[in-house]
Amino acid sequence: MTALFEDLLEMPLRHGQPHHVDLRVSRDFFDGTDELPAVRAEFEAERDRLAAQVTARYGEPVRRSLEAYFADDLPDEPGRELFEHLTTWFFEVDLWVIGDRGLVLEVGHADRELPLQLMVVVGDLSRP
């Protein structure tokens, strides 16, 4: 899996937009199933296993709040496209800073009825 992460880190970004790859997607939860906690635990365990590999390769992540990206006046700072993209799912993320790129590996759930997503997102941290 780290080969995929390395490829994403090296691939050119189109117009500053981040690369987003869903590594795994659950079924949806429209039926209000009680399975969600078990499925979430499974996805988070897989995320933790992959995060350990990323940390071994690139070092410890930093915890990054995305709170400022929920405001009407978005910050003009490096990584803006990456952080704005992530607000669909998260209020804060673990961010591995690798050169001028940021790598995020998280379990997202955009809405309680939608599928869980184990995702990796790579974006540019060098420009606003």
N, C-alpha and C. Protein backbone atom coordinates (compact mmCIF):
# COMPACT_ATOMS: atom_id res chain seq x y z
N MET A 1 0.82 -1.20 0.00
CA MET A 1 0.00 0.00 0.00
C MET A 1 0.86 1.26 0.00
N THR A 2 2.04 1.19 0.62
CA THR A 2 2.88 2.39 0.64
C THR A 2 3.33 2.78 -0.77
N ALA A 3 3.38 1.83 -1.70
CA ALA A 3 3.72 2.17 -3.09
C ALA A 3 2.66 3.11 -3.67
N LEU A 4 1.40 2.87 -3.36
CA LEU A 4 0.33 3.76 -3.81
C LEU A 4 0.53 5.15 -3.22
N PHE A 5 0.85 5.22 -1.93
CA PHE A 5 1.06 6.52 -1.29
C PHE A 5 2.22 7.26 -1.95
N GLU A 6 3.30 6.56 -2.23
CA GLU A 6 4.45 7.18 -2.89
C GLU A 6 4.07 7.69 -4.28
N ASP A 7 3.29 6.90 -5.02
CA ASP A 7 2.83 7.35 -6.34
C ASP A 7 2.00 8.62 -6.22
N LEU A 8 1.09 8.67 -5.27
CA LEU A 8 0.26 9.86 -5.09
C LEU A 8 1.09 11.08 -4.71
N LEU A 9 2.12 10.86 -3.91
CA LEU A 9 2.99 11.97 -3.50
C LEU A 9 3.78 12.53 -4.68
N GLU A 10 4.07 11.70 -5.67
CA GLU A 10 4.89 12.12 -6.81
C GLU A 10 4.06 12.62 -7.99
N MET A 11 2.81 12.22 -8.08
CA MET A 11 1.97 12.60 -9.21
C MET A 11 1.69 14.10 -9.21
N PRO A 12 1.72 14.72 -10.40
CA PRO A 12 1.36 16.14 -10.47
C PRO A 12 -0.09 16.35 -10.03
N LEU A 13 -0.34 17.48 -9.41
CA LEU A 13 -1.69 17.84 -8.98
C LEU A 13 -2.30 18.75 -10.04
N ARG A 14 -3.54 18.48 -10.42
CA ARG A 14 -4.21 19.32 -11.41
C ARG A 14 -4.79 20.55 -10.74
N HIS A 15 -4.32 21.70 -11.16
CA HIS A 15 -4.85 22.97 -10.65
C HIS A 15 -4.87 23.02 -9.13
N GLY A 16 -3.91 22.38 -8.49
CA GLY A 16 -3.83 22.40 -7.04
C GLY A 16 -4.80 21.48 -6.33
N GLN A 17 -5.66 20.79 -7.08
CA GLN A 17 -6.65 19.91 -6.46
C GLN A 17 -5.98 18.66 -5.90
N PRO A 18 -6.39 18.23 -4.73
CA PRO A 18 -5.75 17.05 -4.12
C PRO A 18 -6.13 15.75 -4.83
N HIS A 19 -5.25 14.77 -4.69
CA HIS A 19 -5.57 13.40 -5.11
C HIS A 19 -6.37 12.76 -3.97
N HIS A 20 -7.46 12.11 -4.31
CA HIS A 20 -8.31 11.45 -3.32
C HIS A 20 -8.56 10.03 -3.81
N VAL A 21 -8.16 9.04 -3.01
CA VAL A 21 -8.38 7.64 -3.36
C VAL A 21 -9.10 6.97 -2.21
N ASP A 22 -10.23 6.36 -2.51
CA ASP A 22 -10.92 5.54 -1.51
C ASP A 22 -10.28 4.16 -1.54
N LEU A 23 -9.65 3.79 -0.44
CA LEU A 23 -9.01 2.49 -0.34
C LEU A 23 -10.04 1.39 -0.07
N ARG A 24 -11.13 1.79 0.57
CA ARG A 24 -12.19 0.84 0.91
C ARG A 24 -13.46 1.63 1.17
N VAL A 25 -14.59 1.11 0.72
CA VAL A 25 -15.89 1.76 0.92
C VAL A 25 -16.86 0.70 1.43
N SER A 26 -17.57 1.02 2.50
CA SER A 26 -18.57 0.09 3.05
C SER A 26 -19.86 0.18 2.23
N ARG A 27 -20.80 -0.61 2.60
CA ARG A 27 -22.14 -0.46 2.03
C ARG A 27 -22.77 0.78 2.67
N ASP A 28 -23.87 1.24 2.11
CA ASP A 28 -24.56 2.38 2.73
C ASP A 28 -25.34 1.91 3.96
N PHE A 29 -25.81 2.88 4.73
CA PHE A 29 -26.53 2.58 5.97
C PHE A 29 -27.92 3.21 5.97
N PHE A 30 -28.58 3.23 4.81
CA PHE A 30 -29.92 3.81 4.69
C PHE A 30 -30.95 3.08 5.56
N ASP A 31 -30.71 1.81 5.83
CA ASP A 31 -31.67 1.04 6.62
C ASP A 31 -31.49 1.23 8.12
N GLY A 32 -30.59 2.13 8.52
CA GLY A 32 -30.39 2.40 9.94
C GLY A 32 -29.82 1.22 10.69
N THR A 33 -29.02 0.45 10.03
CA THR A 33 -28.49 -0.79 10.59
C THR A 33 -27.69 -0.58 11.87
N ASP A 34 -27.69 -1.61 12.69
CA ASP A 34 -26.89 -1.60 13.91
C ASP A 34 -25.46 -2.05 13.64
N GLU A 35 -25.15 -2.36 12.40
CA GLU A 35 -23.82 -2.84 12.03
C GLU A 35 -22.78 -1.72 12.01
N LEU A 36 -23.21 -0.48 11.97
CA LEU A 36 -22.28 0.63 11.80
C LEU A 36 -21.12 0.62 12.80
N PRO A 37 -21.34 0.47 14.09
CA PRO A 37 -20.19 0.48 15.02
C PRO A 37 -19.15 -0.59 14.71
N ALA A 38 -19.59 -1.78 14.37
CA ALA A 38 -18.64 -2.86 14.06
C ALA A 38 -17.89 -2.57 12.76
N VAL A 39 -18.60 -2.06 11.76
CA VAL A 39 -17.95 -1.73 10.49
C VAL A 39 -16.96 -0.59 10.70
N ARG A 40 -17.36 0.42 11.48
CA ARG A 40 -16.45 1.54 11.77
C ARG A 40 -15.19 1.04 12.48
N ALA A 41 -15.35 0.16 13.44
CA ALA A 41 -14.19 -0.38 14.17
C ALA A 41 -13.25 -1.12 13.22
N GLU A 42 -13.82 -1.87 12.29
CA GLU A 42 -13.01 -2.60 11.31
C GLU A 42 -12.24 -1.63 10.41
N PHE A 43 -12.92 -0.59 9.92
CA PHE A 43 -12.27 0.41 9.08
C PHE A 43 -11.18 1.15 9.86
N GLU A 44 -11.47 1.51 11.10
CA GLU A 44 -10.48 2.25 11.89
C GLU A 44 -9.27 1.39 12.22
N ALA A 45 -9.47 0.10 12.43
CA ALA A 45 -8.33 -0.80 12.67
C ALA A 45 -7.45 -0.87 11.43
N GLU A 46 -8.08 -0.92 10.25
CA GLU A 46 -7.29 -0.93 9.01
C GLU A 46 -6.57 0.39 8.82
N ARG A 47 -7.24 1.48 9.14
CA ARG A 47 -6.61 2.80 9.06
C ARG A 47 -5.41 2.87 9.99
N ASP A 48 -5.54 2.37 11.21
CA ASP A 48 -4.44 2.40 12.18
C ASP A 48 -3.25 1.57 11.69
N ARG A 49 -3.53 0.43 11.06
CA ARG A 49 -2.46 -0.41 10.53
C ARG A 49 -1.71 0.33 9.41
N LEU A 50 -2.46 0.95 8.51
CA LEU A 50 -1.83 1.70 7.42
C LEU A 50 -1.11 2.94 7.95
N ALA A 51 -1.70 3.60 8.94
CA ALA A 51 -1.06 4.79 9.53
C ALA A 51 0.28 4.43 10.16
N ALA A 52 0.38 3.26 10.76
CA ALA A 52 1.65 2.81 11.33
C ALA A 52 2.70 2.66 10.24
N GLN A 53 2.30 2.17 9.07
CA GLN A 53 3.23 2.03 7.95
C GLN A 53 3.68 3.41 7.44
N VAL A 54 2.72 4.33 7.32
CA VAL A 54 3.05 5.68 6.87
C VAL A 54 3.98 6.36 7.87
N THR A 55 3.70 6.21 9.15
CA THR A 55 4.54 6.81 10.20
C THR A 55 5.94 6.21 10.18
N ALA A 56 6.05 4.92 9.98
CA ALA A 56 7.37 4.28 9.91
C ALA A 56 8.18 4.83 8.74
N ARG A 57 7.51 5.16 7.65
CA ARG A 57 8.20 5.65 6.45
C ARG A 57 8.48 7.15 6.50
N TYR A 58 7.51 7.94 7.00
CA TYR A 58 7.60 9.40 6.88
C TYR A 58 7.66 10.15 8.21
N GLY A 59 7.53 9.47 9.32
CA GLY A 59 7.55 10.14 10.61
C GLY A 59 6.15 10.40 11.14
N GLU A 60 6.10 10.96 12.33
CA GLU A 60 4.83 11.19 13.03
C GLU A 60 3.98 12.25 12.31
N PRO A 61 2.67 12.05 12.30
CA PRO A 61 1.79 13.09 11.75
C PRO A 61 1.57 14.20 12.77
N VAL A 62 1.04 15.31 12.28
CA VAL A 62 0.59 16.38 13.17
C VAL A 62 -0.93 16.39 13.12
N ARG A 63 -1.56 16.71 14.24
CA ARG A 63 -3.02 16.81 14.27
C ARG A 63 -3.38 18.18 13.76
N ARG A 64 -4.24 18.26 12.75
CA ARG A 64 -4.57 19.52 12.10
C ARG A 64 -6.07 19.79 12.20
N SER A 65 -6.41 20.91 12.81
CA SER A 65 -7.81 21.33 12.88
C SER A 65 -8.21 21.95 11.54
N LEU A 66 -9.42 21.65 11.11
CA LEU A 66 -9.95 22.24 9.87
C LEU A 66 -11.03 23.28 10.18
N GLU A 67 -11.15 23.66 11.43
CA GLU A 67 -12.20 24.57 11.88
C GLU A 67 -12.28 25.84 11.04
N ALA A 68 -11.16 26.42 10.68
CA ALA A 68 -11.15 27.67 9.93
C ALA A 68 -11.77 27.52 8.54
N TYR A 69 -11.83 26.31 8.03
CA TYR A 69 -12.35 26.07 6.68
C TYR A 69 -13.87 25.90 6.65
N PHE A 70 -14.51 26.02 7.80
CA PHE A 70 -15.96 26.00 7.86
C PHE A 70 -16.53 27.42 7.90
N ALA A 71 -15.67 28.42 7.89
CA ALA A 71 -16.09 29.82 7.94
C ALA A 71 -16.35 30.33 6.52
N ASP A 72 -17.05 31.45 6.42
CA ASP A 72 -17.31 32.06 5.11
C ASP A 72 -16.04 32.63 4.50
N ASP A 73 -15.15 33.13 5.34
CA ASP A 73 -13.90 33.74 4.89
C ASP A 73 -12.77 32.72 5.07
N LEU A 74 -12.47 31.97 4.02
CA LEU A 74 -11.47 30.91 4.12
C LEU A 74 -10.07 31.48 4.26
N PRO A 75 -9.22 30.82 5.04
CA PRO A 75 -7.85 31.29 5.19
C PRO A 75 -7.09 31.20 3.86
N ASP A 76 -6.20 32.15 3.66
CA ASP A 76 -5.34 32.14 2.48
C ASP A 76 -3.98 31.63 2.93
N GLU A 77 -3.86 30.31 3.02
CA GLU A 77 -2.64 29.70 3.53
C GLU A 77 -2.27 28.48 2.70
N PRO A 78 -1.02 28.07 2.76
CA PRO A 78 -0.63 26.86 2.04
C PRO A 78 -1.48 25.66 2.46
N GLY A 79 -1.89 24.88 1.46
CA GLY A 79 -2.70 23.70 1.73
C GLY A 79 -4.20 23.95 1.67
N ARG A 80 -4.60 25.13 1.29
CA ARG A 80 -6.02 25.51 1.33
C ARG A 80 -6.91 24.50 0.58
N GLU A 81 -6.52 24.12 -0.66
CA GLU A 81 -7.35 23.19 -1.44
C GLU A 81 -7.50 21.85 -0.73
N LEU A 82 -6.40 21.36 -0.17
CA LEU A 82 -6.43 20.09 0.55
C LEU A 82 -7.38 20.17 1.74
N PHE A 83 -7.20 21.18 2.57
CA PHE A 83 -7.99 21.30 3.79
C PHE A 83 -9.47 21.56 3.49
N GLU A 84 -9.73 22.38 2.48
CA GLU A 84 -11.12 22.65 2.10
C GLU A 84 -11.80 21.36 1.61
N HIS A 85 -11.09 20.58 0.83
CA HIS A 85 -11.62 19.29 0.34
C HIS A 85 -12.00 18.37 1.50
N LEU A 86 -11.19 18.34 2.51
CA LEU A 86 -11.38 17.41 3.63
C LEU A 86 -12.58 17.75 4.52
N THR A 87 -13.08 18.99 4.43
CA THR A 87 -14.19 19.39 5.31
C THR A 87 -15.50 18.67 4.99
N THR A 88 -15.57 17.98 3.88
CA THR A 88 -16.75 17.17 3.60
C THR A 88 -16.92 16.08 4.65
N TRP A 89 -15.81 15.65 5.24
CA TRP A 89 -15.82 14.52 6.17
C TRP A 89 -15.33 14.84 7.58
N PHE A 90 -14.42 15.82 7.72
CA PHE A 90 -13.67 15.93 8.97
C PHE A 90 -13.65 17.34 9.55
N PHE A 91 -13.47 17.39 10.88
CA PHE A 91 -13.21 18.64 11.58
C PHE A 91 -11.73 18.75 11.94
N GLU A 92 -11.05 17.61 12.02
CA GLU A 92 -9.60 17.58 12.23
C GLU A 92 -9.07 16.27 11.67
N VAL A 93 -7.79 16.29 11.30
CA VAL A 93 -7.18 15.12 10.67
C VAL A 93 -5.74 14.96 11.15
N ASP A 94 -5.22 13.75 10.99
CA ASP A 94 -3.78 13.53 11.12
C ASP A 94 -3.17 13.85 9.77
N LEU A 95 -2.16 14.71 9.77
CA LEU A 95 -1.52 15.19 8.55
C LEU A 95 -0.04 14.82 8.58
N TRP A 96 0.37 14.02 7.62
CA TRP A 96 1.79 13.75 7.45
C TRP A 96 2.32 14.77 6.45
N VAL A 97 3.33 15.53 6.85
CA VAL A 97 3.94 16.52 5.98
C VAL A 97 5.17 15.87 5.35
N ILE A 98 5.15 15.75 4.02
CA ILE A 98 6.20 15.06 3.28
C ILE A 98 6.66 16.01 2.18
N GLY A 99 7.75 16.71 2.44
CA GLY A 99 8.20 17.73 1.50
C GLY A 99 7.15 18.82 1.43
N ASP A 100 6.71 19.14 0.20
CA ASP A 100 5.68 20.17 0.03
C ASP A 100 4.28 19.57 -0.15
N ARG A 101 4.15 18.30 0.22
CA ARG A 101 2.86 17.62 0.12
C ARG A 101 2.35 17.24 1.50
N GLY A 102 1.06 17.15 1.61
CA GLY A 102 0.42 16.66 2.82
C GLY A 102 -0.33 15.38 2.50
N LEU A 103 -0.23 14.40 3.37
CA LEU A 103 -0.92 13.12 3.20
C LEU A 103 -1.86 12.93 4.38
N VAL A 104 -3.11 12.62 4.08
CA VAL A 104 -4.12 12.37 5.10
C VAL A 104 -4.68 10.98 4.85
N LEU A 105 -4.74 10.19 5.91
CA LEU A 105 -5.27 8.83 5.86
C LEU A 105 -6.31 8.73 6.97
N GLU A 106 -7.58 8.69 6.60
CA GLU A 106 -8.64 8.73 7.61
C GLU A 106 -9.84 7.88 7.17
N VAL A 107 -10.72 7.63 8.12
CA VAL A 107 -12.00 6.99 7.85
C VAL A 107 -13.05 8.10 7.87
N GLY A 108 -13.68 8.31 6.73
CA GLY A 108 -14.68 9.36 6.62
C GLY A 108 -16.09 8.81 6.54
N HIS A 109 -17.03 9.63 7.02
CA HIS A 109 -18.44 9.27 6.98
C HIS A 109 -19.20 10.58 6.78
N ALA A 110 -19.49 10.91 5.53
CA ALA A 110 -20.07 12.21 5.21
C ALA A 110 -21.46 12.41 5.79
N ASP A 111 -22.22 11.34 5.95
CA ASP A 111 -23.56 11.41 6.50
C ASP A 111 -23.90 10.05 7.08
N ARG A 112 -24.71 10.02 8.10
CA ARG A 112 -24.97 8.76 8.82
C ARG A 112 -25.55 7.67 7.94
N GLU A 113 -26.20 8.02 6.85
CA GLU A 113 -26.79 7.00 5.97
C GLU A 113 -25.84 6.56 4.86
N LEU A 114 -24.77 7.29 4.65
CA LEU A 114 -23.84 7.01 3.55
C LEU A 114 -22.77 6.00 3.97
N PRO A 115 -22.06 5.44 3.00
CA PRO A 115 -21.00 4.48 3.32
C PRO A 115 -19.84 5.13 4.07
N LEU A 116 -19.13 4.31 4.82
CA LEU A 116 -17.84 4.72 5.38
C LEU A 116 -16.82 4.65 4.26
N GLN A 117 -15.81 5.51 4.34
CA GLN A 117 -14.75 5.53 3.34
C GLN A 117 -13.41 5.52 4.07
N LEU A 118 -12.58 4.55 3.77
CA LEU A 118 -11.17 4.59 4.19
C LEU A 118 -10.44 5.24 3.04
N MET A 119 -9.91 6.43 3.28
CA MET A 119 -9.37 7.23 2.18
C MET A 119 -7.96 7.71 2.47
N VAL A 120 -7.25 7.92 1.37
CA VAL A 120 -5.98 8.64 1.43
C VAL A 120 -6.14 9.85 0.52
N VAL A 121 -5.73 11.01 1.03
CA VAL A 121 -5.82 12.25 0.28
C VAL A 121 -4.46 12.92 0.35
N VAL A 122 -3.95 13.32 -0.82
CA VAL A 122 -2.65 13.98 -0.90
C VAL A 122 -2.84 15.32 -1.58
N GLY A 123 -2.29 16.37 -0.97
CA GLY A 123 -2.43 17.71 -1.54
C GLY A 123 -1.16 18.52 -1.39
N ASP A 124 -1.18 19.67 -2.04
CA ASP A 124 -0.04 20.59 -2.08
C ASP A 124 -0.05 21.49 -0.84
N LEU A 125 1.06 21.52 -0.13
CA LEU A 125 1.18 22.40 1.04
C LEU A 125 2.08 23.60 0.74
N SER A 126 2.50 23.76 -0.52
CA SER A 126 3.45 24.82 -0.82
C SER A 126 2.80 26.13 -1.22
N ARG A 127 1.50 26.09 -1.56
CA ARG A 127 0.86 27.33 -2.00
C ARG A 127 -0.57 27.40 -1.49
N PRO A 128 -1.05 28.63 -1.35
CA PRO A 128 -2.44 28.80 -0.90
C PRO A 128 -3.44 28.40 -1.98
